[in-house]
């Protein structure tokens, strides 16, 4: 989704984070995917890691 912004991002431990999200008015209500990407510091654009949580975020 384009146009989303995050603020107040906090890493609580190795597997938990919290954040506030501001979403555009065109977002469809219901379950959506969440992708977290951490850029790498190595050679190339596609280094680093990412995680996907399918249908784990609900917009109301």
Protein backbone atom coordinates (compact mmCIF):
# COMPACT_ATOMS: atom_id res chain seq x y z
CA UNK A 1 0.00 0.00 0.00
CA UNK A 2 1.38 3.35 -0.86
CA UNK A 3 0.88 6.40 1.28
CA UNK A 4 1.14 4.67 4.65
CA UNK A 5 3.43 6.19 7.29
CA UNK A 6 4.70 4.78 10.58
CA UNK A 7 5.60 6.64 13.75
CA UNK A 8 6.44 5.80 17.36
CA UNK A 9 8.21 2.58 16.30
CA UNK A 10 9.48 0.69 19.35
CA UNK A 11 11.33 -2.63 19.45
CA UNK A 12 10.23 -4.29 22.69
CA UNK A 13 12.27 -7.49 22.38
CA UNK A 14 13.65 -9.85 19.71
CA UNK A 15 10.17 -10.71 18.39
CA UNK A 16 7.87 -7.82 19.37
CA UNK A 17 7.46 -4.31 18.05
CA UNK A 18 4.80 -1.63 18.36
CA UNK A 19 4.04 1.31 16.08
CA UNK A 20 1.37 3.79 15.09
CA UNK A 21 0.28 3.67 11.44
CA UNK A 22 -1.37 6.41 9.44
CA UNK A 23 -3.17 4.97 6.42
CA UNK A 24 -4.73 6.61 3.36
CA UNK A 25 -8.52 6.76 3.22
CA UNK A 26 -8.57 4.30 0.32
CA UNK A 27 -7.50 1.32 2.48
CA UNK A 28 -10.06 -1.49 2.49
CA UNK A 29 -11.24 -2.53 5.97
CA UNK A 30 -10.44 -6.08 7.10
CA UNK A 31 -7.41 -8.32 7.45
CA UNK A 32 -4.25 -7.29 5.60
CA UNK A 33 -0.64 -8.41 5.32
CA UNK A 34 2.27 -6.83 7.17
CA UNK A 35 5.81 -6.93 5.76
CA UNK A 36 8.80 -5.81 7.82
CA UNK A 37 12.03 -5.21 5.90
CA UNK A 38 15.39 -4.49 7.48
CA UNK A 39 17.93 -3.17 4.98
CA UNK A 40 21.29 -4.85 5.00
CA UNK A 41 24.67 -3.25 5.23
CA UNK A 42 26.33 -5.63 2.80
CA UNK A 43 26.81 -5.60 -0.92
CA UNK A 44 23.71 -4.93 -2.96
CA UNK A 45 20.16 -3.70 -2.73
CA UNK A 46 18.59 -7.04 -1.77
CA UNK A 47 20.71 -7.85 1.28
CA UNK A 48 19.20 -7.77 4.76
CA UNK A 49 16.12 -9.61 5.96
CA UNK A 50 12.35 -9.44 5.88
CA UNK A 51 9.33 -11.06 7.46
CA UNK A 52 5.72 -11.49 6.32
CA UNK A 53 2.66 -11.85 8.54
CA UNK A 54 -0.33 -12.87 6.39
CA UNK A 55 -3.72 -11.38 7.27
CA UNK A 56 -2.51 -10.40 10.73
CA UNK A 57 -3.32 -6.68 10.73
CA UNK A 58 -6.95 -5.51 10.79
CA UNK A 59 -8.01 -2.04 9.73
CA UNK A 60 -11.38 -0.81 10.92
